[in-house]
Amino acid sequence: MISSTNPVYGVLSLIVCFFNATTLLLSLGIEFVPVSFIIIYVGAIAVLFVFVLMMLNIKAAELKQNSLMLVPVIVTLGFVF
C-alpha cells in the first residue's frame, strides 16, 4: 500500500488490507467488530479517499519525481524497522 506509485492503487490496497483484517477478526469468532470495519472504514473512509484522489488529477511525473527523493529515507526507515 505504501510503496504503490499510483495513489488510487494505494487506496484500493488499503481496502484489501481492511478486508484482510476483517477475515482475521472473523476467524477469532468476533462478529461485531469486523462488520463495523467493513461498514465504517471501507464503506465511508476508503471510498471517500478514492473520490478525492480521482478529483485531484495528480500527474504521474510529479509522483515519480517526488518518490525518487525519498529513497534514502525509505531505505533508512526500512533498516531501522
N, C-alpha and C. Protein backbone atom coordinates (compact mmCIF):
# COMPACT_ATOMS: atom_id res chain seq x y z
N MET A 1 0.82 -1.17 0.00
CA MET A 1 0.00 0.00 0.00
C MET A 1 0.87 1.24 0.00
N ILE A 2 1.91 1.26 0.76
CA ILE A 2 2.74 2.45 0.88
C ILE A 2 3.63 2.62 -0.33
N SER A 3 4.10 1.54 -0.91
CA SER A 3 5.07 1.64 -2.00
C SER A 3 4.43 1.76 -3.38
N SER A 4 3.12 1.83 -3.48
CA SER A 4 2.49 1.94 -4.79
C SER A 4 2.69 3.35 -5.35
N THR A 5 2.95 3.43 -6.64
CA THR A 5 3.22 4.72 -7.27
C THR A 5 1.95 5.47 -7.62
N ASN A 6 0.86 4.77 -7.83
CA ASN A 6 -0.40 5.41 -8.15
C ASN A 6 -1.24 5.50 -6.87
N PRO A 7 -1.71 6.69 -6.49
CA PRO A 7 -2.47 6.81 -5.24
C PRO A 7 -3.79 6.05 -5.24
N VAL A 8 -4.40 5.90 -6.40
CA VAL A 8 -5.66 5.14 -6.46
C VAL A 8 -5.40 3.67 -6.14
N TYR A 9 -4.29 3.12 -6.65
CA TYR A 9 -3.94 1.74 -6.33
C TYR A 9 -3.59 1.61 -4.84
N GLY A 10 -3.01 2.65 -4.27
CA GLY A 10 -2.72 2.63 -2.84
C GLY A 10 -3.98 2.55 -2.01
N VAL A 11 -5.00 3.31 -2.39
CA VAL A 11 -6.27 3.28 -1.66
C VAL A 11 -6.97 1.94 -1.86
N LEU A 12 -6.90 1.39 -3.07
CA LEU A 12 -7.51 0.08 -3.29
C LEU A 12 -6.81 -1.01 -2.49
N SER A 13 -5.51 -0.91 -2.33
CA SER A 13 -4.82 -1.88 -1.49
C SER A 13 -5.13 -1.64 -0.02
N LEU A 14 -5.44 -0.40 0.36
CA LEU A 14 -5.91 -0.13 1.72
C LEU A 14 -7.22 -0.84 1.99
N ILE A 15 -8.11 -0.85 1.00
CA ILE A 15 -9.38 -1.56 1.14
C ILE A 15 -9.13 -3.06 1.30
N VAL A 16 -8.17 -3.60 0.55
CA VAL A 16 -7.82 -5.02 0.68
C VAL A 16 -7.26 -5.31 2.07
N CYS A 17 -6.48 -4.38 2.62
CA CYS A 17 -5.96 -4.56 3.99
C CYS A 17 -7.09 -4.59 5.01
N PHE A 18 -8.10 -3.75 4.82
CA PHE A 18 -9.25 -3.77 5.73
C PHE A 18 -10.00 -5.10 5.64
N PHE A 19 -10.14 -5.64 4.42
CA PHE A 19 -10.81 -6.93 4.28
C PHE A 19 -9.97 -8.05 4.91
N ASN A 20 -8.65 -7.96 4.83
CA ASN A 20 -7.80 -8.96 5.48
C ASN A 20 -7.94 -8.90 6.99
N ALA A 21 -7.99 -7.68 7.54
CA ALA A 21 -8.19 -7.54 8.99
C ALA A 21 -9.55 -8.08 9.40
N THR A 22 -10.54 -7.89 8.54
CA THR A 22 -11.88 -8.40 8.82
C THR A 22 -11.90 -9.92 8.87
N THR A 23 -11.22 -10.56 7.92
CA THR A 23 -11.20 -12.03 7.93
C THR A 23 -10.43 -12.57 9.13
N LEU A 24 -9.39 -11.87 9.53
CA LEU A 24 -8.67 -12.32 10.74
C LEU A 24 -9.55 -12.21 11.98
N LEU A 25 -10.30 -11.13 12.10
CA LEU A 25 -11.18 -10.99 13.26
C LEU A 25 -12.35 -11.97 13.21
N LEU A 26 -12.83 -12.27 12.01
CA LEU A 26 -13.89 -13.28 11.90
C LEU A 26 -13.39 -14.66 12.29
N SER A 27 -12.13 -14.95 11.99
CA SER A 27 -11.58 -16.26 12.37
C SER A 27 -11.41 -16.39 13.88
N LEU A 28 -11.34 -15.26 14.59
CA LEU A 28 -11.27 -15.30 16.05
C LEU A 28 -12.63 -15.47 16.70
N GLY A 29 -13.69 -15.37 15.90
CA GLY A 29 -15.02 -15.57 16.44
C GLY A 29 -15.72 -14.29 16.86
N ILE A 30 -15.15 -13.15 16.52
CA ILE A 30 -15.79 -11.88 16.83
C ILE A 30 -16.63 -11.48 15.63
N GLU A 31 -17.89 -11.11 15.84
CA GLU A 31 -18.74 -10.78 14.71
C GLU A 31 -18.96 -9.28 14.54
N PHE A 32 -19.07 -8.54 15.64
CA PHE A 32 -19.46 -7.14 15.54
C PHE A 32 -18.34 -6.25 15.00
N VAL A 33 -17.12 -6.46 15.45
CA VAL A 33 -16.00 -5.59 15.06
C VAL A 33 -15.69 -5.71 13.57
N PRO A 34 -15.62 -6.91 12.97
CA PRO A 34 -15.37 -6.97 11.52
C PRO A 34 -16.47 -6.33 10.68
N VAL A 35 -17.70 -6.48 11.11
CA VAL A 35 -18.79 -5.85 10.36
C VAL A 35 -18.70 -4.34 10.45
N SER A 36 -18.33 -3.84 11.62
CA SER A 36 -18.17 -2.39 11.75
C SER A 36 -16.95 -1.89 10.94
N PHE A 37 -15.89 -2.69 10.83
CA PHE A 37 -14.76 -2.33 9.97
C PHE A 37 -15.23 -2.14 8.53
N ILE A 38 -16.00 -3.09 8.04
CA ILE A 38 -16.47 -3.02 6.65
C ILE A 38 -17.38 -1.82 6.45
N ILE A 39 -18.32 -1.61 7.35
CA ILE A 39 -19.28 -0.52 7.18
C ILE A 39 -18.61 0.84 7.34
N ILE A 40 -17.82 1.00 8.38
CA ILE A 40 -17.25 2.33 8.67
C ILE A 40 -16.06 2.63 7.78
N TYR A 41 -15.05 1.77 7.78
CA TYR A 41 -13.82 2.10 7.09
C TYR A 41 -13.91 1.94 5.59
N VAL A 42 -14.34 0.78 5.13
CA VAL A 42 -14.41 0.56 3.68
C VAL A 42 -15.58 1.32 3.09
N GLY A 43 -16.69 1.32 3.77
CA GLY A 43 -17.88 1.97 3.23
C GLY A 43 -17.81 3.47 3.21
N ALA A 44 -17.08 4.08 4.09
CA ALA A 44 -17.08 5.53 4.16
C ALA A 44 -15.71 6.14 3.88
N ILE A 45 -14.72 5.77 4.67
CA ILE A 45 -13.43 6.45 4.60
C ILE A 45 -12.67 6.09 3.34
N ALA A 46 -12.55 4.82 3.01
CA ALA A 46 -11.77 4.42 1.84
C ALA A 46 -12.43 4.88 0.55
N VAL A 47 -13.75 4.84 0.48
CA VAL A 47 -14.45 5.32 -0.72
C VAL A 47 -14.28 6.83 -0.85
N LEU A 48 -14.29 7.54 0.25
CA LEU A 48 -14.03 8.98 0.23
C LEU A 48 -12.63 9.27 -0.28
N PHE A 49 -11.63 8.50 0.16
CA PHE A 49 -10.27 8.67 -0.34
C PHE A 49 -10.21 8.45 -1.85
N VAL A 50 -10.89 7.44 -2.35
CA VAL A 50 -10.88 7.16 -3.79
C VAL A 50 -11.47 8.34 -4.56
N PHE A 51 -12.58 8.89 -4.12
CA PHE A 51 -13.19 10.00 -4.83
C PHE A 51 -12.32 11.26 -4.76
N VAL A 52 -11.71 11.53 -3.62
CA VAL A 52 -10.84 12.70 -3.51
C VAL A 52 -9.62 12.55 -4.40
N LEU A 53 -9.02 11.38 -4.45
CA LEU A 53 -7.85 11.18 -5.29
C LEU A 53 -8.19 11.28 -6.77
N MET A 54 -9.38 10.84 -7.15
CA MET A 54 -9.77 10.97 -8.55
C MET A 54 -10.03 12.42 -8.93
N MET A 55 -10.44 13.24 -7.98
CA MET A 55 -10.72 14.64 -8.27
C MET A 55 -9.44 15.48 -8.28
N LEU A 56 -8.35 15.01 -7.66
CA LEU A 56 -7.12 15.80 -7.57
C LEU A 56 -6.38 15.89 -8.89
N ASN A 57 -6.48 14.89 -9.75
CA ASN A 57 -5.80 14.86 -11.05
C ASN A 57 -4.28 14.98 -10.88
N ILE A 58 -3.69 14.07 -10.15
CA ILE A 58 -2.25 14.05 -9.90
C ILE A 58 -1.55 13.46 -11.11
N LYS A 59 -0.51 14.12 -11.55
CA LYS A 59 0.24 13.64 -12.71
C LYS A 59 1.28 12.62 -12.26
N ALA A 60 1.53 11.62 -13.09
CA ALA A 60 2.47 10.55 -12.75
C ALA A 60 3.89 11.06 -12.70
N ALA A 61 4.25 12.06 -13.49
CA ALA A 61 5.61 12.59 -13.49
C ALA A 61 5.94 13.25 -12.16
N GLU A 62 4.97 13.96 -11.59
CA GLU A 62 5.19 14.59 -10.29
C GLU A 62 5.39 13.54 -9.21
N LEU A 63 4.64 12.46 -9.27
CA LEU A 63 4.77 11.40 -8.27
C LEU A 63 6.13 10.72 -8.36
N LYS A 64 6.58 10.46 -9.58
CA LYS A 64 7.86 9.79 -9.75
C LYS A 64 9.01 10.69 -9.28
N GLN A 65 8.94 11.98 -9.56
CA GLN A 65 9.99 12.90 -9.15
C GLN A 65 10.07 12.99 -7.63
N ASN A 66 8.93 13.06 -6.96
CA ASN A 66 8.92 13.16 -5.50
C ASN A 66 9.35 11.86 -4.84
N SER A 67 9.02 10.73 -5.44
CA SER A 67 9.35 9.46 -4.81
C SER A 67 10.84 9.14 -4.91
N LEU A 68 11.52 9.64 -5.93
CA LEU A 68 12.96 9.39 -6.04
C LEU A 68 13.75 10.12 -4.97
N MET A 69 13.24 11.24 -4.51
CA MET A 69 13.94 11.98 -3.45
C MET A 69 13.81 11.28 -2.10
N LEU A 70 12.81 10.43 -1.95
CA LEU A 70 12.56 9.78 -0.66
C LEU A 70 13.22 8.41 -0.53
N VAL A 71 13.96 7.98 -1.52
CA VAL A 71 14.58 6.65 -1.48
C VAL A 71 15.52 6.49 -0.29
N PRO A 72 16.41 7.46 0.02
CA PRO A 72 17.27 7.28 1.20
C PRO A 72 16.49 7.19 2.51
N VAL A 73 15.41 7.95 2.61
CA VAL A 73 14.59 7.91 3.82
C VAL A 73 13.90 6.55 3.95
N ILE A 74 13.41 6.03 2.83
CA ILE A 74 12.72 4.73 2.85
C ILE A 74 13.70 3.62 3.22
N VAL A 75 14.89 3.67 2.67
CA VAL A 75 15.90 2.65 2.99
C VAL A 75 16.30 2.72 4.46
N THR A 76 16.47 3.94 4.98
CA THR A 76 16.86 4.11 6.38
C THR A 76 15.76 3.60 7.31
N LEU A 77 14.50 3.97 7.04
CA LEU A 77 13.41 3.52 7.89
C LEU A 77 13.21 2.00 7.77
N GLY A 78 13.41 1.46 6.58
CA GLY A 78 13.32 0.01 6.41
C GLY A 78 14.38 -0.72 7.20
N PHE A 79 15.59 -0.15 7.25
CA PHE A 79 16.65 -0.77 8.04
C PHE A 79 16.37 -0.68 9.53
N VAL A 80 15.83 0.45 9.98
CA VAL A 80 15.53 0.64 11.41
C VAL A 80 14.44 -0.33 11.85
N PHE A 81 13.40 -0.45 11.04
CA PHE A 81 12.29 -1.34 11.46
C PHE A 81 12.63 -2.78 11.21
